[in-house]
Amino acid sequence: MRTYLYTGIAAVLITIGLVADNDNTAQQPIPIVLHSLSAGMEPTIQLIKKHLGEQVYIKNITPSGLISNVYDQAEYFRKEVETDPKLREGFNVIAHSHAGLVVRYYIERYNNPPVRTYISYGTPQQGVFGMPGTLDDHFKWLDALEERAHHILYSWSFQKYIAFAGYWHDTLHHDKYLKKACLLPYLNNEINHEYAELFKYNICKLTNMVLVMSQYEQTIEPAISCHFGFYKNGSKSELEELCNTELYKKDTIGLKTLHESGRLYTRLAQCPHQNFPEDEENFVENALPFLQPDIPDGLPVIDIPLKNKSAAHA
């Protein structure tokens, strides 16, 4: 009789143990993908392990070559995540600088497997227009060069092979920017195209979008581009914050939807642009709160019906 009793107790304990293990598994951190095209993200890996533990699955994607367009780079990113079985149920992303645009294109156009939380460090979400830092303050001839840059940067060859040319956002030649820039007008739904609805749909499915701008930014011009702000059209001095842009007011890609549902965050960092991956204060304040396994995935995601169902499978 005792044998049966002990066997029964053991079975209950094993069952409880299995349930506990399953619960622990459910609480494991979502896999994290790190993406950078120049500065390595190895320091960020160490910060993740320090604050979240060794059990986090981390995939570090750092291809070489700015001498290609964002579409080629996004295709590389897509293959890397699609072929990784550990990312099948979704993942969070921390992307540095230009790589944030690569990841955003992946989200908008493909998003399979899906990105849950998108964190960008110093990414020119509205592009760039101007020389980095204070170079043009010291060399006035650079101002004249910038004013004529649209002749070169919007040429076919530069748009094809030089990544940043695709997001050179010339507010003094806005019509030319819309017609010639191969990436940003398309990515931000500033022009009509067949995937515009899908782009917005996929952005609105994010759990969180976290945009981090450095207060000591000297690479992205203007720095407010990291928060989806930019110069006003026709000006190269008057800045426009996110909520005042047409991109936000018209909810072109879903930023207003994210903001009003509590899923869009604009954060500030105290490190120079190139030091984002290694700055622990930035990581703890601006990334870690969105990577914790025991925190719910934000507010309920608003499901916007996708009219063109076939676009999602194109």
Protein backbone atom coordinates (compact mmCIF):
# COMPACT_ATOMS: atom_id res chain seq x y z
CA MET A 1 0.00 0.00 0.00
CA ARG A 2 2.81 2.37 0.92
CA THR A 3 4.46 1.63 -2.42
CA TYR A 4 1.36 2.81 -4.29
CA LEU A 5 1.11 5.87 -2.05
CA TYR A 6 4.74 6.85 -2.65
CA THR A 7 4.36 6.20 -6.35
CA GLY A 8 1.29 8.45 -6.47
CA ILE A 9 3.02 11.22 -4.54
CA ALA A 10 6.03 10.98 -6.83
CA ALA A 11 3.79 11.21 -9.90
CA VAL A 12 2.10 14.34 -8.52
CA LEU A 13 5.46 15.93 -7.74
CA ILE A 14 6.78 15.14 -11.21
CA THR A 15 3.62 16.60 -12.77
CA ILE A 16 3.98 19.76 -10.68
CA GLY A 17 7.60 19.96 -11.71
CA LEU A 18 6.70 19.67 -15.37
CA VAL A 19 4.08 22.40 -15.05
CA ALA A 20 6.58 24.61 -13.28
CA ASP A 21 9.11 23.97 -16.04
CA ASN A 22 6.51 24.84 -18.67
CA ASP A 23 5.71 28.05 -16.82
CA ASN A 24 9.38 28.94 -16.68
CA THR A 25 9.70 28.25 -20.37
CA ALA A 26 6.78 30.56 -21.03
CA GLN A 27 8.56 33.26 -19.10
CA GLN A 28 11.79 32.98 -21.07
CA PRO A 29 12.81 36.21 -22.77
CA ILE A 30 11.78 36.66 -26.36
CA PRO A 31 14.76 36.17 -28.71
CA ILE A 32 16.65 39.35 -29.48
CA VAL A 33 18.13 40.24 -32.85
CA LEU A 34 20.84 42.88 -33.00
CA HIS A 35 21.57 44.61 -36.27
CA SER A 36 24.30 47.03 -37.25
CA LEU A 37 26.08 47.74 -40.50
CA SER A 38 29.25 49.36 -39.21
CA ALA A 39 29.80 49.40 -35.44
CA GLY A 40 29.69 45.92 -33.95
CA MET A 41 26.99 45.05 -31.43
CA GLU A 42 29.15 42.78 -29.28
CA PRO A 43 29.02 45.23 -26.33
CA THR A 44 25.21 45.09 -26.45
CA ILE A 45 25.36 41.30 -26.26
CA GLN A 46 27.30 41.57 -23.01
CA LEU A 47 24.79 44.09 -21.64
CA ILE A 48 21.87 41.80 -22.48
CA LYS A 49 23.51 38.84 -20.76
CA LYS A 50 24.40 40.96 -17.74
CA HIS A 51 20.87 42.23 -17.20
CA LEU A 52 18.71 39.41 -18.63
CA GLY A 53 20.90 36.37 -18.10
CA GLU A 54 22.65 33.81 -20.26
CA GLN A 55 19.40 32.12 -21.26
CA VAL A 56 18.43 34.82 -23.76
CA TYR A 57 18.82 33.76 -27.37
CA ILE A 58 20.68 36.53 -29.21
CA LYS A 59 21.30 36.73 -32.94
CA ASN A 60 23.82 39.34 -34.04
CA ILE A 61 23.56 40.34 -37.71
CA THR A 62 26.42 42.54 -38.86
CA PRO A 63 26.95 42.29 -42.62
CA SER A 64 29.64 44.31 -44.30
CA GLY A 65 29.08 46.86 -47.00
CA LEU A 66 27.44 50.24 -47.08
CA ILE A 67 28.12 50.11 -50.82
CA SER A 68 24.72 48.64 -51.57
CA ASN A 69 21.15 49.81 -51.24
CA VAL A 70 18.83 49.17 -48.32
CA TYR A 71 16.78 46.65 -50.29
CA ASP A 72 19.80 44.36 -50.73
CA GLN A 73 20.66 44.75 -47.05
CA ALA A 74 17.06 44.00 -46.03
CA GLU A 75 17.08 40.87 -48.16
CA TYR A 76 20.20 39.71 -46.31
CA PHE A 77 18.47 40.41 -42.98
CA ARG A 78 15.35 38.59 -44.14
CA LYS A 79 17.24 35.43 -45.04
CA GLU A 80 19.09 35.48 -41.72
CA VAL A 81 15.91 35.59 -39.63
CA GLU A 82 13.69 33.42 -41.83
CA THR A 83 16.11 30.50 -41.70
CA ASP A 84 16.58 30.61 -37.92
CA PRO A 85 14.07 28.24 -36.25
CA LYS A 86 14.55 29.92 -32.89
CA LEU A 87 13.01 33.10 -34.25
CA ARG A 88 9.95 31.43 -35.71
CA GLU A 89 7.52 32.76 -33.07
CA GLY A 90 8.82 36.32 -33.27
CA PHE A 91 11.63 38.39 -31.87
CA ASN A 92 12.64 41.81 -30.55
CA VAL A 93 15.14 43.97 -32.43
CA ILE A 94 17.75 46.53 -31.43
CA ALA A 95 19.12 48.22 -34.54
CA HIS A 96 21.83 50.85 -34.67
CA SER A 97 21.86 53.85 -37.02
CA HIS A 98 21.28 53.06 -40.70
CA ALA A 99 20.45 49.44 -39.82
CA GLY A 100 17.24 50.68 -38.22
CA LEU A 101 15.94 51.56 -41.69
CA VAL A 102 16.87 48.13 -42.97
CA VAL A 103 14.89 46.50 -40.18
CA ARG A 104 11.95 48.86 -40.63
CA TYR A 105 11.75 47.91 -44.30
CA TYR A 106 11.77 44.24 -43.28
CA ILE A 107 8.91 44.90 -40.84
CA GLU A 108 6.82 46.84 -43.30
CA ARG A 109 7.34 44.63 -46.33
CA TYR A 110 7.73 41.10 -44.87
CA ASN A 111 7.57 40.73 -41.06
CA ASN A 112 7.60 36.94 -41.15
CA PRO A 113 8.76 35.91 -38.60
CA PRO A 114 7.31 38.96 -36.86
CA VAL A 115 9.13 41.68 -34.99
CA ARG A 116 7.45 42.38 -31.68
CA THR A 117 9.38 45.31 -30.27
CA TYR A 118 11.46 47.50 -32.56
CA ILE A 119 14.17 49.58 -30.85
CA SER A 120 16.25 51.95 -32.97
CA TYR A 121 19.43 53.63 -31.76
CA GLY A 122 20.18 56.84 -33.67
CA THR A 123 18.30 55.83 -36.84
CA PRO A 124 17.52 58.56 -39.41
CA GLN A 125 13.83 57.67 -39.68
CA GLN A 126 13.11 60.77 -41.76
CA GLY A 127 16.45 60.65 -43.54
CA VAL A 128 19.37 63.05 -43.47
CA PHE A 129 20.01 66.45 -45.01
CA GLY A 130 23.37 67.95 -44.22
CA MET A 131 26.93 67.13 -43.26
CA PRO A 132 27.46 65.39 -39.90
CA GLY A 133 28.04 67.52 -36.82
CA THR A 134 29.52 70.99 -37.20
CA LEU A 135 31.57 70.38 -40.35
CA ASP A 136 29.59 72.88 -42.39
CA ASP A 137 30.02 75.50 -39.64
CA HIS A 138 33.79 75.29 -40.09
CA PHE A 139 33.81 74.86 -43.87
CA LYS A 140 31.24 77.19 -45.39
CA TRP A 141 31.81 75.80 -48.87
CA LEU A 142 30.08 72.63 -47.69
CA ASP A 143 26.79 74.55 -47.56
CA ALA A 144 27.06 75.20 -51.29
CA LEU A 145 27.92 71.54 -51.85
CA GLU A 146 24.88 70.40 -49.88
CA GLU A 147 22.60 72.65 -51.92
CA ARG A 148 23.86 70.98 -55.11
CA ALA A 149 24.03 67.44 -53.72
CA HIS A 150 20.63 66.57 -55.16
CA HIS A 151 22.14 66.58 -58.66
CA ILE A 152 24.51 63.77 -57.65
CA LEU A 153 22.76 61.84 -54.88
CA TYR A 154 19.50 61.51 -56.77
CA SER A 155 21.23 60.11 -59.85
CA TRP A 156 20.53 56.48 -60.81
CA SER A 157 23.99 55.18 -59.93
CA PHE A 158 24.04 56.70 -56.43
CA GLN A 159 20.52 55.49 -55.69
CA LYS A 160 21.49 52.01 -56.85
CA TYR A 161 24.76 51.57 -54.99
CA ILE A 162 25.08 54.12 -52.17
CA ALA A 163 22.77 53.30 -49.28
CA PHE A 164 22.43 56.75 -47.69
CA ALA A 165 21.49 58.33 -51.04
CA GLY A 166 18.15 56.53 -50.73
CA TYR A 167 17.30 58.53 -47.64
CA TRP A 168 18.91 61.87 -48.55
CA HIS A 169 15.91 64.04 -47.72
CA ASP A 170 16.33 67.34 -49.54
CA THR A 171 13.62 69.63 -48.21
CA LEU A 172 14.70 72.39 -50.61
CA HIS A 173 13.94 70.15 -53.58
CA HIS A 174 11.01 68.21 -52.16
CA ASP A 175 9.45 67.20 -55.48
CA LYS A 176 12.73 65.78 -56.70
CA TYR A 177 13.16 63.90 -53.43
CA LEU A 178 9.74 62.28 -53.87
CA LYS A 179 10.50 61.28 -57.45
CA LYS A 180 14.15 60.25 -57.21
CA ALA A 181 14.92 58.98 -53.68
CA CYS A 182 14.53 55.22 -54.02
CA LEU A 183 13.87 54.40 -50.37
CA LEU A 184 12.46 56.94 -47.94
CA PRO A 185 9.39 58.26 -49.82
CA TYR A 186 8.43 54.61 -50.38
CA LEU A 187 9.24 53.45 -46.84
CA ASN A 188 7.31 56.34 -45.26
CA ASN A 189 4.33 56.01 -47.64
CA GLU A 190 4.84 59.52 -48.98
CA ILE A 191 4.13 58.21 -52.47
CA ASN A 192 1.46 55.84 -53.71
CA HIS A 193 2.53 52.24 -54.21
CA GLU A 194 1.00 48.77 -54.14
CA TYR A 195 2.25 47.87 -50.64
CA ALA A 196 1.31 51.10 -48.87
CA GLU A 197 -1.54 49.49 -46.96
CA LEU A 198 0.62 46.53 -45.96
CA PHE A 199 3.39 48.85 -44.71
CA LYS A 200 1.01 50.57 -42.32
CA TYR A 201 -0.66 47.31 -41.32
CA ASN A 202 2.65 45.74 -40.28
CA ILE A 203 3.81 48.79 -38.32
CA CYS A 204 0.50 48.84 -36.46
CA LYS A 205 1.04 45.21 -35.44
CA LEU A 206 4.16 46.08 -33.42
CA THR A 207 3.98 45.64 -29.68
CA ASN A 208 6.28 48.63 -29.17
CA MET A 209 8.31 51.04 -31.27
CA VAL A 210 11.13 52.68 -29.31
CA LEU A 211 13.01 55.54 -31.00
CA VAL A 212 16.21 56.62 -29.24
CA MET A 213 17.93 59.91 -30.11
CA SER A 214 21.27 61.02 -28.67
CA GLN A 215 21.46 64.48 -27.13
CA TYR A 216 25.05 64.50 -28.36
CA GLU A 217 24.23 63.39 -31.91
CA GLN A 218 26.88 64.48 -34.40
CA THR A 219 26.28 61.99 -37.21
CA ILE A 220 22.59 62.25 -38.10
CA GLU A 221 21.62 65.65 -39.46
CA PRO A 222 19.18 66.75 -38.19
CA ALA A 223 19.23 64.65 -35.02
CA ILE A 224 15.46 64.96 -34.61
CA SER A 225 15.14 62.60 -37.57
CA CYS A 226 15.75 59.82 -35.04
CA HIS A 227 12.34 60.71 -33.57
CA PHE A 228 10.67 61.03 -36.99
CA GLY A 229 10.97 64.81 -36.92
CA PHE A 230 12.70 66.80 -39.67
CA TYR A 231 13.11 70.15 -41.36
CA LYS A 232 9.96 71.71 -42.73
CA ASN A 233 9.57 71.45 -46.48
CA GLY A 234 11.32 74.37 -48.14
CA SER A 235 13.57 75.02 -45.15
CA LYS A 236 16.90 73.79 -43.87
CA SER A 237 16.72 75.51 -40.50
CA GLU A 238 13.14 75.29 -39.20
CA LEU A 239 12.56 71.97 -37.43
CA GLU A 240 9.29 70.11 -37.14
CA GLU A 241 8.65 67.60 -34.36
CA LEU A 242 6.97 64.29 -35.01
CA CYS A 243 3.44 65.25 -33.95
CA ASN A 244 3.49 68.28 -36.26
CA THR A 245 4.53 66.35 -39.36
CA GLU A 246 2.14 65.31 -42.11
CA LEU A 247 3.49 61.79 -41.65
CA TYR A 248 1.97 61.76 -38.15
CA LYS A 249 -1.18 63.82 -38.77
CA LYS A 250 -2.24 61.65 -41.71
CA ASP A 251 -1.08 58.49 -39.91
CA THR A 252 0.66 57.52 -43.13
CA ILE A 253 2.49 54.50 -41.73
CA GLY A 254 0.68 54.11 -38.40
CA LEU A 255 2.78 56.28 -36.07
CA LYS A 256 -0.30 58.08 -34.76
CA THR A 257 -2.00 54.73 -34.18
CA LEU A 258 1.00 53.50 -32.19
CA HIS A 259 1.21 56.75 -30.22
CA GLU A 260 -2.47 56.89 -29.30
CA SER A 261 -2.44 53.25 -28.19
CA GLY A 262 0.62 53.79 -25.96
CA ARG A 263 3.08 51.81 -28.07
CA LEU A 264 5.31 54.57 -29.48
CA TYR A 265 8.17 55.78 -27.29
CA THR A 266 10.66 58.57 -28.01
CA ARG A 267 13.67 58.34 -25.73
CA LEU A 268 16.91 60.28 -25.21
CA ALA A 269 20.45 58.98 -24.72
CA GLN A 270 23.53 60.72 -23.35
CA CYS A 271 26.14 59.01 -25.52
CA PRO A 272 27.68 59.95 -28.88
CA HIS A 273 26.20 58.23 -31.93
CA GLN A 274 28.98 55.68 -32.32
CA ASN A 275 28.81 54.66 -28.64
CA PHE A 276 25.18 53.54 -28.62
CA PRO A 277 25.98 49.77 -28.59
CA GLU A 278 28.25 50.00 -25.53
CA ASP A 279 26.53 52.63 -23.40
CA GLU A 280 25.04 50.83 -20.41
CA GLU A 281 22.96 53.76 -19.19
CA ASN A 282 21.28 53.96 -22.58
CA PHE A 283 20.61 50.21 -22.61
CA VAL A 284 19.17 50.13 -19.09
CA GLU A 285 16.93 53.17 -19.56
CA ASN A 286 15.86 52.84 -23.17
CA ALA A 287 15.98 49.17 -24.13
CA LEU A 288 15.85 46.93 -21.05
CA PRO A 289 12.29 47.89 -19.96
CA PHE A 290 10.99 46.57 -23.30
CA LEU A 291 12.96 43.31 -23.22
CA GLN A 292 11.92 41.94 -19.82
CA PRO A 293 10.25 38.51 -20.09
CA ASP A 294 7.85 39.07 -17.19
CA ILE A 295 6.38 42.30 -18.52
CA PRO A 296 3.20 42.04 -20.64
CA ASP A 297 3.58 42.90 -24.31
CA GLY A 298 2.25 46.44 -23.89
CA LEU A 299 -1.36 47.36 -24.57
CA PRO A 300 -3.58 45.23 -26.81
CA VAL A 301 -2.54 45.54 -30.43
CA ILE A 302 -5.11 47.30 -32.59
CA ASP A 303 -5.98 45.05 -35.50
CA ILE A 304 -6.45 47.13 -38.61
CA PRO A 305 -8.15 45.06 -41.32
CA LEU A 306 -5.96 44.55 -44.37
CA LYS A 307 -8.11 45.06 -47.46
CA ASN A 308 -5.57 43.75 -49.93
CA LYS A 309 -5.02 40.28 -48.47
CA SER A 310 -2.85 39.17 -51.36
CA ALA A 311 -0.28 41.89 -50.60
CA ALA A 312 0.63 40.17 -47.34
CA HIS A 313 1.75 37.10 -49.24
CA ALA A 314 3.50 38.81 -52.13
